[in-house]
Amino acid sequence: MGGNDSSPRVVVGVDGSPSSHAALRWALRQAELTGATVYAVGVWEPPSYYGWSAPVVDTSFDYDLARRQFTEQLDEVLGPEHSSRVEERLVLGNPAQVLIDEADGAELLVVGSHGRGTFAAAVLGSVSARCAAHATCPVVIVRSP
């Protein structure tokens, strides 16, 4: 993505956690108020990215699984009939960096306060903290109810 889009964008990170679902709902309400399009961004990260296993040989298998899980997460929050104002993006990479890059030129980046990362007990999730520190647009951090 980039800042060349003519319509306003609200980017939201979706990782399946309760706070990311709350963030998606919040982003949809904000987009309705401002006439923006919501870009729901999931990040696909094979375990081998961090040396947790042998190198992934068939990345299409991991991607297919990630795509199914991402679609199920969106269906759970939005229903099977996704709004025409929601664009889905599933991107390979580091979650914080992908969200920061996707939010370049956006009006707003919305993330949950805690994701499904390894350090779930942190006071503020590492992805949300990094996004708040480095995004070029305003960042909203949403807690799950």
N, C-alpha and C. Protein backbone atom coordinates (compact mmCIF):
# COMPACT_ATOMS: atom_id res chain seq x y z
N MET A 1 0.84 -1.17 0.00
CA MET A 1 0.00 0.00 0.00
C MET A 1 0.87 1.22 0.00
N GLY A 2 0.29 2.32 -0.04
CA GLY A 2 1.05 3.54 -0.02
C GLY A 2 0.13 4.73 0.07
N GLY A 3 0.67 5.89 0.07
CA GLY A 3 -0.11 7.10 0.24
C GLY A 3 -0.75 7.60 -1.04
N ASN A 4 -0.73 6.85 -2.13
CA ASN A 4 -1.27 7.32 -3.40
C ASN A 4 -2.73 6.98 -3.60
N ASP A 5 -3.36 6.28 -2.68
CA ASP A 5 -4.77 5.94 -2.82
C ASP A 5 -5.62 7.19 -2.61
N SER A 6 -6.70 7.32 -3.39
CA SER A 6 -7.51 8.51 -3.29
C SER A 6 -8.56 8.41 -2.19
N SER A 7 -9.02 7.21 -1.86
CA SER A 7 -10.03 7.08 -0.81
C SER A 7 -9.35 6.90 0.54
N PRO A 8 -9.97 7.43 1.60
CA PRO A 8 -9.38 7.28 2.93
C PRO A 8 -9.34 5.81 3.34
N ARG A 9 -8.26 5.44 4.06
CA ARG A 9 -8.08 4.06 4.50
C ARG A 9 -7.92 3.99 6.01
N VAL A 10 -8.53 2.98 6.59
CA VAL A 10 -8.30 2.59 7.97
C VAL A 10 -7.74 1.18 7.92
N VAL A 11 -6.52 1.01 8.40
CA VAL A 11 -5.86 -0.29 8.39
C VAL A 11 -6.03 -0.90 9.77
N VAL A 12 -6.38 -2.19 9.80
CA VAL A 12 -6.57 -2.87 11.08
C VAL A 12 -5.88 -4.23 11.03
N GLY A 13 -5.13 -4.53 12.08
CA GLY A 13 -4.47 -5.82 12.19
C GLY A 13 -5.41 -6.86 12.77
N VAL A 14 -5.47 -8.03 12.12
CA VAL A 14 -6.35 -9.11 12.57
C VAL A 14 -5.51 -10.37 12.74
N ASP A 15 -5.44 -10.88 13.97
CA ASP A 15 -4.65 -12.09 14.22
C ASP A 15 -5.47 -13.18 14.92
N GLY A 16 -6.77 -12.99 15.06
CA GLY A 16 -7.61 -14.00 15.69
C GLY A 16 -7.79 -13.82 17.17
N SER A 17 -7.06 -12.92 17.79
CA SER A 17 -7.19 -12.69 19.23
C SER A 17 -8.45 -11.88 19.51
N PRO A 18 -8.99 -11.98 20.72
CA PRO A 18 -10.17 -11.18 21.06
C PRO A 18 -9.95 -9.67 20.88
N SER A 19 -8.75 -9.19 21.20
CA SER A 19 -8.52 -7.75 21.04
C SER A 19 -8.43 -7.36 19.56
N SER A 20 -7.97 -8.25 18.70
CA SER A 20 -7.95 -7.91 17.27
C SER A 20 -9.36 -7.93 16.70
N HIS A 21 -10.22 -8.79 17.22
CA HIS A 21 -11.62 -8.78 16.79
C HIS A 21 -12.29 -7.48 17.22
N ALA A 22 -12.00 -7.05 18.45
CA ALA A 22 -12.54 -5.77 18.93
C ALA A 22 -12.00 -4.62 18.09
N ALA A 23 -10.71 -4.70 17.71
CA ALA A 23 -10.12 -3.66 16.86
C ALA A 23 -10.80 -3.61 15.50
N LEU A 24 -11.11 -4.77 14.93
CA LEU A 24 -11.79 -4.81 13.63
C LEU A 24 -13.18 -4.18 13.73
N ARG A 25 -13.92 -4.51 14.78
CA ARG A 25 -15.25 -3.90 14.96
C ARG A 25 -15.13 -2.38 15.13
N TRP A 26 -14.13 -1.94 15.90
CA TRP A 26 -13.93 -0.50 16.13
C TRP A 26 -13.57 0.18 14.80
N ALA A 27 -12.69 -0.43 14.02
CA ALA A 27 -12.28 0.13 12.74
C ALA A 27 -13.47 0.25 11.79
N LEU A 28 -14.35 -0.73 11.79
CA LEU A 28 -15.53 -0.67 10.92
C LEU A 28 -16.44 0.49 11.31
N ARG A 29 -16.66 0.68 12.61
CA ARG A 29 -17.49 1.80 13.06
C ARG A 29 -16.85 3.14 12.67
N GLN A 30 -15.54 3.25 12.85
CA GLN A 30 -14.83 4.48 12.50
C GLN A 30 -14.91 4.74 10.99
N ALA A 31 -14.76 3.69 10.20
CA ALA A 31 -14.82 3.84 8.74
C ALA A 31 -16.21 4.29 8.30
N GLU A 32 -17.24 3.79 8.96
CA GLU A 32 -18.60 4.22 8.62
C GLU A 32 -18.78 5.71 8.88
N LEU A 33 -18.18 6.19 9.96
CA LEU A 33 -18.30 7.61 10.31
C LEU A 33 -17.53 8.51 9.34
N THR A 34 -16.42 8.01 8.81
CA THR A 34 -15.54 8.84 7.99
C THR A 34 -15.59 8.54 6.50
N GLY A 35 -16.33 7.49 6.12
CA GLY A 35 -16.40 7.12 4.70
C GLY A 35 -15.15 6.43 4.20
N ALA A 36 -14.37 5.88 5.12
CA ALA A 36 -13.12 5.22 4.74
C ALA A 36 -13.36 3.76 4.39
N THR A 37 -12.39 3.19 3.72
CA THR A 37 -12.37 1.75 3.45
C THR A 37 -11.48 1.10 4.49
N VAL A 38 -11.94 -0.02 5.03
CA VAL A 38 -11.15 -0.77 6.01
C VAL A 38 -10.29 -1.77 5.28
N TYR A 39 -9.00 -1.77 5.60
CA TYR A 39 -8.07 -2.78 5.11
C TYR A 39 -7.76 -3.69 6.28
N ALA A 40 -8.36 -4.88 6.27
CA ALA A 40 -8.10 -5.88 7.30
C ALA A 40 -6.85 -6.64 6.90
N VAL A 41 -5.82 -6.55 7.74
CA VAL A 41 -4.51 -7.11 7.40
C VAL A 41 -4.18 -8.25 8.37
N GLY A 42 -3.95 -9.40 7.79
CA GLY A 42 -3.44 -10.54 8.54
C GLY A 42 -2.00 -10.76 8.12
N VAL A 43 -1.20 -11.28 9.03
CA VAL A 43 0.20 -11.51 8.72
C VAL A 43 0.49 -12.99 8.83
N TRP A 44 1.07 -13.50 7.77
CA TRP A 44 1.44 -14.91 7.68
C TRP A 44 2.92 -15.02 8.00
N GLU A 45 3.22 -15.82 9.01
CA GLU A 45 4.57 -15.93 9.52
C GLU A 45 4.92 -17.40 9.75
N PRO A 46 5.62 -18.05 8.82
CA PRO A 46 5.99 -19.45 9.06
C PRO A 46 6.92 -19.55 10.27
N PRO A 47 6.80 -20.64 11.06
CA PRO A 47 7.66 -20.79 12.24
C PRO A 47 9.15 -20.72 11.91
N SER A 48 9.54 -21.14 10.73
CA SER A 48 10.96 -21.14 10.39
C SER A 48 11.52 -19.73 10.28
N TYR A 49 10.68 -18.71 10.22
CA TYR A 49 11.15 -17.33 10.18
C TYR A 49 12.05 -17.02 11.37
N TYR A 50 11.78 -17.70 12.48
CA TYR A 50 12.52 -17.42 13.71
C TYR A 50 13.32 -18.61 14.19
N GLY A 51 13.56 -19.58 13.31
CA GLY A 51 14.39 -20.72 13.66
C GLY A 51 13.72 -21.73 14.56
N TRP A 52 12.39 -21.77 14.57
CA TRP A 52 11.67 -22.70 15.44
C TRP A 52 11.61 -24.10 14.86
N SER A 53 11.91 -24.25 13.60
CA SER A 53 11.83 -25.57 12.96
C SER A 53 12.78 -25.58 11.76
N ALA A 54 12.77 -26.70 11.09
CA ALA A 54 13.54 -26.79 9.84
C ALA A 54 12.94 -25.82 8.83
N PRO A 55 13.72 -25.40 7.85
CA PRO A 55 13.18 -24.48 6.85
C PRO A 55 11.94 -25.05 6.18
N VAL A 56 10.97 -24.17 5.93
CA VAL A 56 9.73 -24.57 5.29
C VAL A 56 10.04 -24.87 3.83
N VAL A 57 9.67 -26.07 3.39
CA VAL A 57 9.91 -26.46 2.01
C VAL A 57 8.73 -26.07 1.14
N ASP A 58 7.52 -26.37 1.61
CA ASP A 58 6.32 -26.07 0.83
C ASP A 58 5.57 -24.90 1.49
N THR A 59 5.93 -23.68 1.10
CA THR A 59 5.29 -22.52 1.71
C THR A 59 3.83 -22.38 1.30
N SER A 60 3.41 -23.00 0.21
CA SER A 60 2.02 -22.89 -0.21
C SER A 60 1.10 -23.55 0.81
N PHE A 61 1.57 -24.62 1.46
CA PHE A 61 0.75 -25.28 2.49
C PHE A 61 0.51 -24.31 3.65
N ASP A 62 1.56 -23.69 4.13
CA ASP A 62 1.42 -22.74 5.23
C ASP A 62 0.54 -21.57 4.83
N TYR A 63 0.72 -21.07 3.61
CA TYR A 63 -0.09 -19.95 3.16
C TYR A 63 -1.56 -20.35 3.07
N ASP A 64 -1.84 -21.53 2.52
CA ASP A 64 -3.23 -21.98 2.39
C ASP A 64 -3.89 -22.08 3.76
N LEU A 65 -3.17 -22.62 4.73
CA LEU A 65 -3.70 -22.72 6.09
C LEU A 65 -3.91 -21.33 6.67
N ALA A 66 -2.95 -20.44 6.51
CA ALA A 66 -3.07 -19.07 7.01
C ALA A 66 -4.26 -18.37 6.36
N ARG A 67 -4.45 -18.55 5.06
CA ARG A 67 -5.56 -17.93 4.34
C ARG A 67 -6.90 -18.42 4.89
N ARG A 68 -7.02 -19.73 5.11
CA ARG A 68 -8.26 -20.29 5.66
C ARG A 68 -8.54 -19.71 7.05
N GLN A 69 -7.52 -19.68 7.89
CA GLN A 69 -7.70 -19.16 9.24
C GLN A 69 -8.06 -17.68 9.22
N PHE A 70 -7.43 -16.91 8.36
CA PHE A 70 -7.72 -15.48 8.25
C PHE A 70 -9.17 -15.26 7.81
N THR A 71 -9.60 -16.01 6.80
CA THR A 71 -10.98 -15.89 6.32
C THR A 71 -11.97 -16.28 7.41
N GLU A 72 -11.67 -17.34 8.16
CA GLU A 72 -12.55 -17.75 9.27
C GLU A 72 -12.65 -16.66 10.34
N GLN A 73 -11.52 -16.02 10.63
CA GLN A 73 -11.52 -14.94 11.62
C GLN A 73 -12.40 -13.78 11.16
N LEU A 74 -12.26 -13.40 9.91
CA LEU A 74 -13.08 -12.31 9.38
C LEU A 74 -14.56 -12.69 9.37
N ASP A 75 -14.85 -13.93 8.97
CA ASP A 75 -16.24 -14.41 8.98
C ASP A 75 -16.82 -14.36 10.39
N GLU A 76 -16.00 -14.71 11.38
CA GLU A 76 -16.48 -14.72 12.77
C GLU A 76 -16.90 -13.33 13.22
N VAL A 77 -16.16 -12.31 12.81
CA VAL A 77 -16.46 -10.94 13.23
C VAL A 77 -17.47 -10.28 12.29
N LEU A 78 -17.30 -10.46 10.98
CA LEU A 78 -18.09 -9.73 9.99
C LEU A 78 -19.28 -10.51 9.47
N GLY A 79 -19.29 -11.83 9.68
CA GLY A 79 -20.28 -12.67 9.05
C GLY A 79 -19.77 -13.09 7.68
N PRO A 80 -20.36 -14.14 7.11
CA PRO A 80 -19.87 -14.64 5.83
C PRO A 80 -20.01 -13.63 4.68
N GLU A 81 -20.92 -12.70 4.81
CA GLU A 81 -21.09 -11.66 3.78
C GLU A 81 -20.26 -10.46 4.20
N HIS A 82 -19.00 -10.41 3.74
CA HIS A 82 -18.14 -9.30 4.12
C HIS A 82 -18.64 -8.00 3.52
N SER A 83 -18.49 -6.96 4.27
CA SER A 83 -18.89 -5.63 3.81
C SER A 83 -18.09 -5.25 2.57
N SER A 84 -18.71 -4.49 1.70
CA SER A 84 -18.00 -4.01 0.51
C SER A 84 -16.93 -2.99 0.87
N ARG A 85 -16.94 -2.52 2.10
CA ARG A 85 -15.96 -1.53 2.54
C ARG A 85 -14.75 -2.17 3.22
N VAL A 86 -14.62 -3.50 3.13
CA VAL A 86 -13.50 -4.19 3.75
C VAL A 86 -12.65 -4.86 2.67
N GLU A 87 -11.39 -4.50 2.65
CA GLU A 87 -10.42 -5.13 1.77
C GLU A 87 -9.58 -6.07 2.63
N GLU A 88 -9.39 -7.30 2.17
CA GLU A 88 -8.60 -8.28 2.90
C GLU A 88 -7.19 -8.34 2.35
N ARG A 89 -6.21 -8.36 3.27
CA ARG A 89 -4.81 -8.49 2.86
C ARG A 89 -4.15 -9.49 3.81
N LEU A 90 -3.54 -10.52 3.25
CA LEU A 90 -2.76 -11.48 4.02
C LEU A 90 -1.34 -11.38 3.49
N VAL A 91 -0.41 -11.00 4.37
CA VAL A 91 0.94 -10.64 3.94
C VAL A 91 1.95 -11.47 4.73
N LEU A 92 2.98 -11.93 4.05
CA LEU A 92 4.08 -12.66 4.69
C LEU A 92 5.04 -11.65 5.29
N GLY A 93 5.40 -11.85 6.57
CA GLY A 93 6.39 -10.96 7.16
C GLY A 93 6.25 -10.83 8.66
N ASN A 94 6.98 -9.88 9.20
CA ASN A 94 6.93 -9.54 10.62
C ASN A 94 5.66 -8.74 10.88
N PRO A 95 4.83 -9.15 11.85
CA PRO A 95 3.53 -8.47 12.04
C PRO A 95 3.62 -6.96 12.22
N ALA A 96 4.50 -6.49 13.09
CA ALA A 96 4.58 -5.05 13.32
C ALA A 96 5.02 -4.31 12.05
N GLN A 97 6.03 -4.83 11.38
CA GLN A 97 6.54 -4.14 10.19
C GLN A 97 5.51 -4.15 9.07
N VAL A 98 4.81 -5.27 8.89
CA VAL A 98 3.78 -5.33 7.85
C VAL A 98 2.69 -4.29 8.12
N LEU A 99 2.23 -4.19 9.38
CA LEU A 99 1.18 -3.23 9.70
C LEU A 99 1.67 -1.79 9.51
N ILE A 100 2.89 -1.51 9.92
CA ILE A 100 3.45 -0.17 9.73
C ILE A 100 3.53 0.15 8.24
N ASP A 101 3.99 -0.79 7.44
CA ASP A 101 4.09 -0.57 5.99
C ASP A 101 2.71 -0.40 5.36
N GLU A 102 1.76 -1.25 5.74
CA GLU A 102 0.42 -1.18 5.17
C GLU A 102 -0.28 0.13 5.55
N ALA A 103 0.06 0.68 6.70
CA ALA A 103 -0.59 1.91 7.18
C ALA A 103 0.03 3.18 6.60
N ASP A 104 1.10 3.04 5.83
CA ASP A 104 1.72 4.22 5.23
C ASP A 104 0.70 4.92 4.34
N GLY A 105 0.40 6.16 4.63
CA GLY A 105 -0.57 6.93 3.86
C GLY A 105 -2.01 6.75 4.31
N ALA A 106 -2.25 5.89 5.30
CA ALA A 106 -3.61 5.68 5.81
C ALA A 106 -3.98 6.79 6.79
N GLU A 107 -5.26 6.94 7.03
CA GLU A 107 -5.73 7.90 8.02
C GLU A 107 -5.52 7.38 9.44
N LEU A 108 -5.53 6.03 9.58
CA LEU A 108 -5.52 5.45 10.92
C LEU A 108 -5.07 4.00 10.85
N LEU A 109 -4.33 3.58 11.87
CA LEU A 109 -3.98 2.18 12.07
C LEU A 109 -4.62 1.74 13.38
N VAL A 110 -5.35 0.64 13.34
CA VAL A 110 -6.04 0.12 14.52
C VAL A 110 -5.49 -1.27 14.82
N VAL A 111 -5.06 -1.48 16.05
CA VAL A 111 -4.53 -2.77 16.47
C VAL A 111 -5.11 -3.15 17.83
N GLY A 112 -5.11 -4.44 18.11
CA GLY A 112 -5.52 -4.91 19.43
C GLY A 112 -4.38 -4.73 20.42
N SER A 113 -4.74 -4.70 21.70
CA SER A 113 -3.72 -4.47 22.73
C SER A 113 -2.85 -5.69 22.97
N HIS A 114 -3.37 -6.86 22.74
CA HIS A 114 -2.59 -8.10 22.89
C HIS A 114 -2.97 -9.04 21.77
N GLY A 115 -1.99 -9.61 21.15
CA GLY A 115 -2.26 -10.55 20.07
C GLY A 115 -2.02 -11.97 20.51
N ARG A 116 -1.70 -12.80 19.56
CA ARG A 116 -1.46 -14.22 19.82
C ARG A 116 0.03 -14.52 19.88
N GLY A 117 0.81 -13.52 20.15
CA GLY A 117 2.26 -13.70 20.19
C GLY A 117 2.71 -14.50 21.39
N THR A 118 4.00 -14.79 21.43
CA THR A 118 4.59 -15.61 22.47
C THR A 118 4.50 -14.96 23.84
N PHE A 119 4.61 -13.65 23.89
CA PHE A 119 4.64 -12.95 25.18
C PHE A 119 3.29 -12.33 25.49
N ALA A 120 2.25 -13.15 25.57
CA ALA A 120 0.88 -12.65 25.76
C ALA A 120 0.70 -11.94 27.10
N ALA A 121 1.57 -12.18 28.05
CA ALA A 121 1.40 -11.57 29.37
C ALA A 121 1.96 -10.16 29.44
N ALA A 122 2.53 -9.66 28.38
CA ALA A 122 3.10 -8.31 28.40
C ALA A 122 2.00 -7.29 28.67
N VAL A 123 2.35 -6.17 29.28
CA VAL A 123 1.38 -5.13 29.60
C VAL A 123 0.76 -4.58 28.32
N LEU A 124 1.58 -4.33 27.33
CA LEU A 124 1.12 -3.92 26.01
C LEU A 124 1.82 -4.82 25.02
N GLY A 125 1.08 -5.35 24.08
CA GLY A 125 1.68 -6.26 23.11
C GLY A 125 2.83 -5.61 22.37
N SER A 126 3.80 -6.42 22.00
CA SER A 126 4.98 -5.88 21.31
C SER A 126 4.62 -5.30 19.95
N VAL A 127 3.66 -5.91 19.25
CA VAL A 127 3.26 -5.39 17.94
C VAL A 127 2.57 -4.04 18.11
N SER A 128 1.65 -3.93 19.04
CA SER A 128 0.95 -2.66 19.22
C SER A 128 1.91 -1.57 19.69
N ALA A 129 2.85 -1.91 20.56
CA ALA A 129 3.82 -0.92 21.02
C ALA A 129 4.71 -0.44 19.87
N ARG A 130 5.16 -1.36 19.04
CA ARG A 130 6.01 -0.97 17.91
C ARG A 130 5.23 -0.13 16.89
N CYS A 131 3.98 -0.51 16.64
CA CYS A 131 3.15 0.28 15.72
C CYS A 131 2.95 1.69 16.26
N ALA A 132 2.66 1.81 17.55
CA ALA A 132 2.45 3.12 18.14
C ALA A 132 3.70 3.99 18.04
N ALA A 133 4.85 3.36 18.14
CA ALA A 133 6.11 4.11 18.11
C ALA A 133 6.56 4.47 16.69
N HIS A 134 6.18 3.67 15.69
CA HIS A 134 6.79 3.84 14.37
C HIS A 134 5.84 4.13 13.21
N ALA A 135 4.54 3.99 13.40
CA ALA A 135 3.61 4.24 12.29
C ALA A 135 3.61 5.72 11.93
N THR A 136 3.38 6.00 10.67
CA THR A 136 3.36 7.39 10.19
C THR A 136 1.98 8.01 10.27
N CYS A 137 1.00 7.28 10.79
CA CYS A 137 -0.35 7.79 10.95
C CYS A 137 -0.76 7.58 12.40
N PRO A 138 -1.88 8.17 12.83
CA PRO A 138 -2.36 7.91 14.20
C PRO A 138 -2.64 6.42 14.40
N VAL A 139 -2.42 5.94 15.61
CA VAL A 139 -2.64 4.54 15.96
C VAL A 139 -3.64 4.47 17.11
N VAL A 140 -4.63 3.61 16.95
CA VAL A 140 -5.59 3.33 18.02
C VAL A 140 -5.34 1.91 18.49
N ILE A 141 -5.19 1.75 19.80
CA ILE A 141 -4.97 0.42 20.39
C ILE A 141 -6.24 0.07 21.16
N VAL A 142 -6.88 -1.02 20.76
CA VAL A 142 -8.18 -1.42 21.30
C VAL A 142 -8.01 -2.62 22.22
N ARG A 143 -8.60 -2.54 23.38
CA ARG A 143 -8.62 -3.68 24.31
C ARG A 143 -9.87 -4.52 24.02
N SER A 144 -9.77 -5.81 24.28
CA SER A 144 -10.95 -6.65 24.12
C SER A 144 -11.88 -6.39 25.30
N PRO A 145 -13.19 -6.53 25.07
CA PRO A 145 -14.14 -6.26 26.16
C PRO A 145 -13.99 -7.24 27.30
